[in-house]
Amino acid sequence: MARSKSSHRWLQEHINDPYVKQAQKDGYRARSSYKLIELNDKDRLIRPGMLVMDLGSAPGGWSQVAGKLVGQKGRVLATDILPMDSIVNVDFIQGDFTDEAVFNRILEALDGAKPDLIISDIAPNITGIDSADQGTSMYLVELALDMVRRVLKPKGNFVVKVFQGTGSDAYLKDVRSSFEKVSVRKPKASRPRSREVYVVAKGFRG
């Protein structure tokens, strides 16, 4: 079956993408690693010794960055429905974090500790139907916010990818109700035509 024009264009864009080439060179699993690196440079999110939780972590681009930055005295607890190869300083739990059994496994792994930072680059499987994709995306980030409210340390921080569109303004308002300072970022590694932005929320009110 012949490739559609849009998939051919995406493939060409991907092959020529400087961040894809840089990720291969630097040993990162995904170009998305550079989004977190830029967010961290700007907002000073991750420090050595921190406990970080990565929701929707596979293939592990963000966990790789966080694992390096927290160092041996820190820890990243990552979770995803998809499998993920092991990463230094990262503990991985496979499963749906909204499933009670998986959530209980996460609580066991935390062992009473509360994350300093929760990060999520989670995105739905794209169907190509904009309204359905936007709805699924907003549902996932709402679930991430619910997790934040259950486990994040008071004064802790939260970073999440949000696709601008139906429901995104209301979501931003909801995040602001739980945090002292909320910023919206568009990293350079985020493709200009993409509707994705990153919400950086600091100072969880608990």
C-alpha atoms as a PDB file:
ATOM      1  CA  MET A   1       0.000   0.000   0.000  1.00  0.00           C
ATOM      2  CA  ALA A   2       1.395   3.422  -0.961  1.00  0.00           C
ATOM      3  CA  ARG A   3       2.164   5.871   1.805  1.00  0.00           C
ATOM      4  CA  SER A   4      -0.136   8.890   2.081  1.00  0.00           C
ATOM      5  CA  LYS A   5       1.338  12.328   1.381  1.00  0.00           C
ATOM      6  CA  SER A   6       1.061  13.265   5.065  1.00  0.00           C
ATOM      7  CA  SER A   7       2.867  10.131   6.304  1.00  0.00           C
ATOM      8  CA  HIS A   8       5.580  10.626   3.653  1.00  0.00           C
ATOM      9  CA  ARG A   9       5.962  14.262   4.765  1.00  0.00           C
ATOM     10  CA  TRP A  10       6.170  13.161   8.434  1.00  0.00           C
ATOM     11  CA  LEU A  11       8.824  10.549   7.570  1.00  0.00           C
ATOM     12  CA  GLN A  12      10.942  13.099   5.662  1.00  0.00           C
ATOM     13  CA  GLU A  13      10.555  15.621   8.491  1.00  0.00           C
ATOM     14  CA  HIS A  14      11.559  12.953  11.042  1.00  0.00           C
ATOM     15  CA  ILE A  15      14.641  11.842   9.073  1.00  0.00           C
ATOM     16  CA  ASN A  16      15.817  15.454   8.645  1.00  0.00           C
ATOM     17  CA  ASP A  17      14.911  16.528  12.204  1.00  0.00           C
ATOM     18  CA  PRO A  18      18.041  17.884  13.971  1.00  0.00           C
ATOM     19  CA  TYR A  19      16.703  16.707  17.352  1.00  0.00           C
ATOM     20  CA  VAL A  20      16.252  13.153  16.051  1.00  0.00           C
ATOM     21  CA  LYS A  21      19.869  13.198  14.830  1.00  0.00           C
ATOM     22  CA  GLN A  22      21.069  14.712  18.115  1.00  0.00           C
ATOM     23  CA  ALA A  23      19.173  12.087  20.152  1.00  0.00           C
ATOM     24  CA  GLN A  24      20.895   9.295  18.211  1.00  0.00           C
ATOM     25  CA  LYS A  25      24.253  10.968  18.805  1.00  0.00           C
ATOM     26  CA  ASP A  26      23.652  11.580  22.535  1.00  0.00           C
ATOM     27  CA  GLY A  27      22.136   8.159  23.177  1.00  0.00           C
ATOM     28  CA  TYR A  28      18.632   9.362  24.049  1.00  0.00           C
ATOM     29  CA  ARG A  29      15.673   7.159  23.180  1.00  0.00           C
ATOM     30  CA  ALA A  30      13.503  10.008  21.891  1.00  0.00           C
ATOM     31  CA  ARG A  31      13.787  13.581  20.614  1.00  0.00           C
ATOM     32  CA  SER A  32      11.412  14.530  23.450  1.00  0.00           C
ATOM     33  CA  SER A  33      14.417  14.332  25.832  1.00  0.00           C
ATOM     34  CA  TYR A  34      15.450  17.800  24.632  1.00  0.00           C
ATOM     35  CA  LYS A  35      12.073  19.250  25.615  1.00  0.00           C
ATOM     36  CA  LEU A  36      12.629  18.236  29.234  1.00  0.00           C
ATOM     37  CA  ILE A  37      16.270  19.397  29.118  1.00  0.00           C
ATOM     38  CA  GLU A  38      15.129  22.860  27.969  1.00  0.00           C
ATOM     39  CA  LEU A  39      12.290  23.015  30.517  1.00  0.00           C
ATOM     40  CA  ASN A  40      14.723  22.032  33.253  1.00  0.00           C
ATOM     41  CA  ASP A  41      17.274  24.658  32.156  1.00  0.00           C
ATOM     42  CA  LYS A  42      14.576  27.340  32.273  1.00  0.00           C
ATOM     43  CA  ASP A  43      12.659  26.302  35.382  1.00  0.00           C
ATOM     44  CA  ARG A  44      15.295  24.442  37.462  1.00  0.00           C
ATOM     45  CA  LEU A  45      13.035  21.472  38.084  1.00  0.00           C
ATOM     46  CA  ILE A  46      15.376  18.544  38.773  1.00  0.00           C
ATOM     47  CA  ARG A  47      18.203  18.441  41.306  1.00  0.00           C
ATOM     48  CA  PRO A  48      20.469  15.642  42.536  1.00  0.00           C
ATOM     49  CA  GLY A  49      18.874  13.438  45.194  1.00  0.00           C
ATOM     50  CA  MET A  50      15.265  14.160  44.209  1.00  0.00           C
ATOM     51  CA  LEU A  51      12.428  11.662  43.910  1.00  0.00           C
ATOM     52  CA  VAL A  52      10.782  12.119  40.501  1.00  0.00           C
ATOM     53  CA  MET A  53       7.747  10.320  39.081  1.00  0.00           C
ATOM     54  CA  ASP A  54       7.364   9.950  35.285  1.00  0.00           C
ATOM     55  CA  LEU A  55       3.814   9.166  34.117  1.00  0.00           C
ATOM     56  CA  GLY A  56       3.487   7.685  30.625  1.00  0.00           C
ATOM     57  CA  SER A  57       7.239   7.181  30.467  1.00  0.00           C
ATOM     58  CA  ALA A  58       7.841   4.808  27.502  1.00  0.00           C
ATOM     59  CA  PRO A  59      10.106   4.701  25.541  1.00  0.00           C
ATOM     60  CA  GLY A  60      12.025   6.481  28.310  1.00  0.00           C
ATOM     61  CA  GLY A  61      13.325   9.760  26.868  1.00  0.00           C
ATOM     62  CA  TRP A  62      12.222  11.817  29.873  1.00  0.00           C
ATOM     63  CA  SER A  63      13.213   9.122  32.389  1.00  0.00           C
ATOM     64  CA  GLN A  64      16.732   9.080  30.888  1.00  0.00           C
ATOM     65  CA  VAL A  65      17.110  12.836  31.446  1.00  0.00           C
ATOM     66  CA  ALA A  66      15.604  12.710  34.950  1.00  0.00           C
ATOM     67  CA  GLY A  67      17.693   9.648  35.918  1.00  0.00           C
ATOM     68  CA  LYS A  68      20.921  11.442  34.971  1.00  0.00           C
ATOM     69  CA  LEU A  69      19.961  14.622  36.813  1.00  0.00           C
ATOM     70  CA  VAL A  70      18.824  13.026  40.113  1.00  0.00           C
ATOM     71  CA  GLY A  71      22.016  10.951  40.235  1.00  0.00           C
ATOM     72  CA  GLN A  72      22.760   7.918  42.383  1.00  0.00           C
ATOM     73  CA  LYS A  73      21.270   9.487  45.523  1.00  0.00           C
ATOM     74  CA  GLY A  74      18.033  10.274  43.717  1.00  0.00           C
ATOM     75  CA  ARG A  75      15.391   8.083  42.141  1.00  0.00           C
ATOM     76  CA  VAL A  76      12.926   8.115  39.271  1.00  0.00           C
ATOM     77  CA  LEU A  77       9.756   6.035  39.478  1.00  0.00           C
ATOM     78  CA  ALA A  78       8.401   5.593  35.949  1.00  0.00           C
ATOM     79  CA  THR A  79       5.189   3.973  34.788  1.00  0.00           C
ATOM     80  CA  ASP A  80       3.556   3.230  31.426  1.00  0.00           C
ATOM     81  CA  ILE A  81       1.118   0.772  29.861  1.00  0.00           C
ATOM     82  CA  LEU A  82       3.859  -0.095  27.341  1.00  0.00           C
ATOM     83  CA  PRO A  83       7.074  -1.903  28.297  1.00  0.00           C
ATOM     84  CA  MET A  84      10.245   0.122  28.814  1.00  0.00           C
ATOM     85  CA  ASP A  85      13.877  -1.048  28.815  1.00  0.00           C
ATOM     86  CA  SER A  86      15.764  -0.447  32.057  1.00  0.00           C
ATOM     87  CA  ILE A  87      17.491   2.876  32.756  1.00  0.00           C
ATOM     88  CA  VAL A  88      20.058   3.762  35.446  1.00  0.00           C
ATOM     89  CA  ASN A  89      18.451   5.303  38.583  1.00  0.00           C
ATOM     90  CA  VAL A  90      14.950   4.499  37.250  1.00  0.00           C
ATOM     91  CA  ASP A  91      12.452   2.000  38.698  1.00  0.00           C
ATOM     92  CA  PHE A  92       9.733   1.037  36.225  1.00  0.00           C
ATOM     93  CA  ILE A  93       6.209  -0.246  36.833  1.00  0.00           C
ATOM     94  CA  GLN A  94       4.318  -1.445  33.758  1.00  0.00           C
ATOM     95  CA  GLY A  95       0.561  -0.921  33.799  1.00  0.00           C
ATOM     96  CA  ASP A  96      -2.203   1.678  33.758  1.00  0.00           C
ATOM     97  CA  PHE A  97      -1.512   4.031  36.680  1.00  0.00           C
ATOM     98  CA  THR A  98      -5.266   4.688  37.028  1.00  0.00           C
ATOM     99  CA  ASP A  99      -5.910   0.984  37.653  1.00  0.00           C
ATOM    100  CA  GLU A 100      -6.230   0.409  41.416  1.00  0.00           C
ATOM    101  CA  ALA A 101      -3.874  -2.599  41.460  1.00  0.00           C
ATOM    102  CA  VAL A 102      -1.185  -0.650  39.566  1.00  0.00           C
ATOM    103  CA  PHE A 103      -1.730   2.423  41.749  1.00  0.00           C
ATOM    104  CA  ASN A 104      -1.206   0.237  44.825  1.00  0.00           C
ATOM    105  CA  ARG A 105       2.050  -1.074  43.317  1.00  0.00           C
ATOM    106  CA  ILE A 106       3.155   2.548  42.833  1.00  0.00           C
ATOM    107  CA  LEU A 107       2.315   3.339  46.468  1.00  0.00           C
ATOM    108  CA  GLU A 108       4.290   0.260  47.584  1.00  0.00           C
ATOM    109  CA  ALA A 109       7.259   1.391  45.480  1.00  0.00           C
ATOM    110  CA  LEU A 110       7.060   4.884  47.027  1.00  0.00           C
ATOM    111  CA  ASP A 111       7.021   3.287  50.491  1.00  0.00           C
ATOM    112  CA  GLY A 112       5.625   6.375  52.181  1.00  0.00           C
ATOM    113  CA  ALA A 113       7.830   8.836  50.265  1.00  0.00           C
ATOM    114  CA  LYS A 114       6.260  11.648  48.249  1.00  0.00           C
ATOM    115  CA  PRO A 115       7.702  12.749  44.886  1.00  0.00           C
ATOM    116  CA  ASP A 116       9.352  16.179  44.686  1.00  0.00           C
ATOM    117  CA  LEU A 117       8.362  16.375  41.028  1.00  0.00           C
ATOM    118  CA  ILE A 118       5.897  14.609  38.745  1.00  0.00           C
ATOM    119  CA  ILE A 119       6.528  14.797  34.992  1.00  0.00           C
ATOM    120  CA  SER A 120       4.288  13.581  32.177  1.00  0.00           C
ATOM    121  CA  ASP A 121       4.843  13.648  28.421  1.00  0.00           C
ATOM    122  CA  ILE A 122       1.835  11.347  28.018  1.00  0.00           C
ATOM    123  CA  ALA A 123      -0.125  11.349  24.751  1.00  0.00           C
ATOM    124  CA  PRO A 124      -2.938   9.177  23.389  1.00  0.00           C
ATOM    125  CA  ASN A 125      -2.712   6.863  20.409  1.00  0.00           C
ATOM    126  CA  ILE A 126      -3.695   9.212  17.590  1.00  0.00           C
ATOM    127  CA  THR A 127      -6.775   8.250  15.546  1.00  0.00           C
ATOM    128  CA  GLY A 128      -6.634  11.256  13.218  1.00  0.00           C
ATOM    129  CA  ILE A 129     -10.071  12.440  14.397  1.00  0.00           C
ATOM    130  CA  ASP A 130      -9.171  15.745  16.059  1.00  0.00           C
ATOM    131  CA  SER A 131     -12.100  15.985  18.461  1.00  0.00           C
ATOM    132  CA  ALA A 132     -11.665  12.392  19.666  1.00  0.00           C
ATOM    133  CA  ASP A 133      -7.882  12.770  20.026  1.00  0.00           C
ATOM    134  CA  GLN A 134      -8.263  16.034  21.950  1.00  0.00           C
ATOM    135  CA  GLY A 135     -10.846  14.450  24.265  1.00  0.00           C
ATOM    136  CA  THR A 136      -8.604  11.449  24.991  1.00  0.00           C
ATOM    137  CA  SER A 137      -5.593  13.698  25.530  1.00  0.00           C
ATOM    138  CA  MET A 138      -7.463  15.893  28.039  1.00  0.00           C
ATOM    139  CA  TYR A 139      -8.720  12.784  29.835  1.00  0.00           C
ATOM    140  CA  LEU A 140      -5.135  11.512  30.254  1.00  0.00           C
ATOM    141  CA  VAL A 141      -3.786  14.805  31.630  1.00  0.00           C
ATOM    142  CA  GLU A 142      -6.734  15.043  34.033  1.00  0.00           C
ATOM    143  CA  LEU A 143      -5.812  11.565  35.310  1.00  0.00           C
ATOM    144  CA  ALA A 144      -2.202  12.750  35.708  1.00  0.00           C
ATOM    145  CA  LEU A 145      -3.411  15.751  37.747  1.00  0.00           C
ATOM    146  CA  ASP A 146      -5.480  13.405  39.910  1.00  0.00           C
ATOM    147  CA  MET A 147      -2.324  11.363  40.601  1.00  0.00           C
ATOM    148  CA  VAL A 148      -0.453  14.578  41.462  1.00  0.00           C
ATOM    149  CA  ARG A 149      -3.105  15.528  44.012  1.00  0.00           C
ATOM    150  CA  ARG A 150      -2.850  12.108  45.620  1.00  0.00           C
ATOM    151  CA  VAL A 151       0.908  11.685  45.965  1.00  0.00           C
ATOM    152  CA  LEU A 152       2.934  14.873  45.256  1.00  0.00           C
ATOM    153  CA  LYS A 153       4.872  16.425  48.132  1.00  0.00           C
ATOM    154  CA  PRO A 154       3.545  19.808  49.364  1.00  0.00           C
ATOM    155  CA  LYS A 155       5.478  22.594  47.561  1.00  0.00           C
ATOM    156  CA  GLY A 156       6.373  19.995  44.882  1.00  0.00           C
ATOM    157  CA  ASN A 157       6.272  20.655  41.131  1.00  0.00           C
ATOM    158  CA  PHE A 158       4.423  19.187  38.129  1.00  0.00           C
ATOM    159  CA  VAL A 159       5.190  19.284  34.389  1.00  0.00           C
ATOM    160  CA  VAL A 160       2.681  17.990  31.838  1.00  0.00           C
ATOM    161  CA  LYS A 161       2.185  18.104  28.075  1.00  0.00           C
ATOM    162  CA  VAL A 162      -1.156  19.594  27.033  1.00  0.00           C
ATOM    163  CA  PHE A 163      -2.582  19.912  23.520  1.00  0.00           C
ATOM    164  CA  GLN A 164      -4.225  23.309  23.077  1.00  0.00           C
ATOM    165  CA  GLY A 165      -7.874  23.012  22.142  1.00  0.00           C
ATOM    166  CA  THR A 166     -11.190  22.068  23.710  1.00  0.00           C
ATOM    167  CA  GLY A 167     -10.780  21.718  27.461  1.00  0.00           C
ATOM    168  CA  SER A 168      -7.196  23.018  27.695  1.00  0.00           C
ATOM    169  CA  ASP A 169      -8.113  26.433  29.185  1.00  0.00           C
ATOM    170  CA  ALA A 170     -10.310  24.794  31.832  1.00  0.00           C
ATOM    171  CA  TYR A 171      -7.507  22.354  32.615  1.00  0.00           C
ATOM    172  CA  LEU A 172      -5.029  25.196  33.084  1.00  0.00           C
ATOM    173  CA  LYS A 173      -7.464  26.871  35.491  1.00  0.00           C
ATOM    174  CA  ASP A 174      -7.789  23.577  37.389  1.00  0.00           C
ATOM    175  CA  VAL A 175      -3.997  23.224  37.690  1.00  0.00           C
ATOM    176  CA  ARG A 176      -3.737  26.850  38.924  1.00  0.00           C
ATOM    177  CA  SER A 177      -6.161  26.014  41.750  1.00  0.00           C
ATOM    178  CA  SER A 178      -3.602  23.566  43.206  1.00  0.00           C
ATOM    179  CA  PHE A 179      -0.294  25.374  42.552  1.00  0.00           C
ATOM    180  CA  GLU A 180       1.231  28.708  43.505  1.00  0.00           C
ATOM    181  CA  LYS A 181       2.762  29.449  40.091  1.00  0.00           C
ATOM    182  CA  VAL A 182       1.832  28.046  36.673  1.00  0.00           C
ATOM    183  CA  SER A 183       3.655  28.792  33.388  1.00  0.00           C
ATOM    184  CA  VAL A 184       3.026  27.588  29.831  1.00  0.00           C
ATOM    185  CA  ARG A 185       6.130  26.734  27.803  1.00  0.00           C
ATOM    186  CA  LYS A 186       6.812  25.854  24.162  1.00  0.00           C
ATOM    187  CA  PRO A 187      10.299  24.293  23.988  1.00  0.00           C
ATOM    188  CA  LYS A 188      12.338  24.699  20.800  1.00  0.00           C
ATOM    189  CA  ALA A 189      12.290  20.906  20.321  1.00  0.00           C
ATOM    190  CA  SER A 190       8.486  21.044  20.099  1.00  0.00           C
ATOM    191  CA  ARG A 191       7.563  21.259  16.412  1.00  0.00           C
ATOM    192  CA  PRO A 192       6.114  24.717  15.617  1.00  0.00           C
ATOM    193  CA  ARG A 193       2.982  23.324  13.938  1.00  0.00           C
ATOM    194  CA  SER A 194       2.203  21.061  16.911  1.00  0.00           C
ATOM    195  CA  ARG A 195      -0.522  22.237  19.314  1.00  0.00           C
ATOM    196  CA  GLU A 196       1.436  20.827  22.237  1.00  0.00           C
ATOM    197  CA  VAL A 197       2.584  23.073  25.069  1.00  0.00           C
ATOM    198  CA  TYR A 198       4.048  22.212  28.458  1.00  0.00           C
ATOM    199  CA  VAL A 199       2.423  23.328  31.679  1.00  0.00           C
ATOM    200  CA  VAL A 200       5.001  23.922  34.430  1.00  0.00           C
ATOM    201  CA  ALA A 201       3.281  24.099  37.815  1.00  0.00           C
ATOM    202  CA  LYS A 202       5.316  25.013  40.919  1.00  0.00           C
ATOM    203  CA  GLY A 203       4.506  25.046  44.616  1.00  0.00           C
ATOM    204  CA  PHE A 204       1.856  22.364  45.132  1.00  0.00           C
ATOM    205  CA  ARG A 205      -0.599  23.548  47.765  1.00  0.00           C
ATOM    206  CA  GLY A 206      -1.201  19.998  49.003  1.00  0.00           C
END
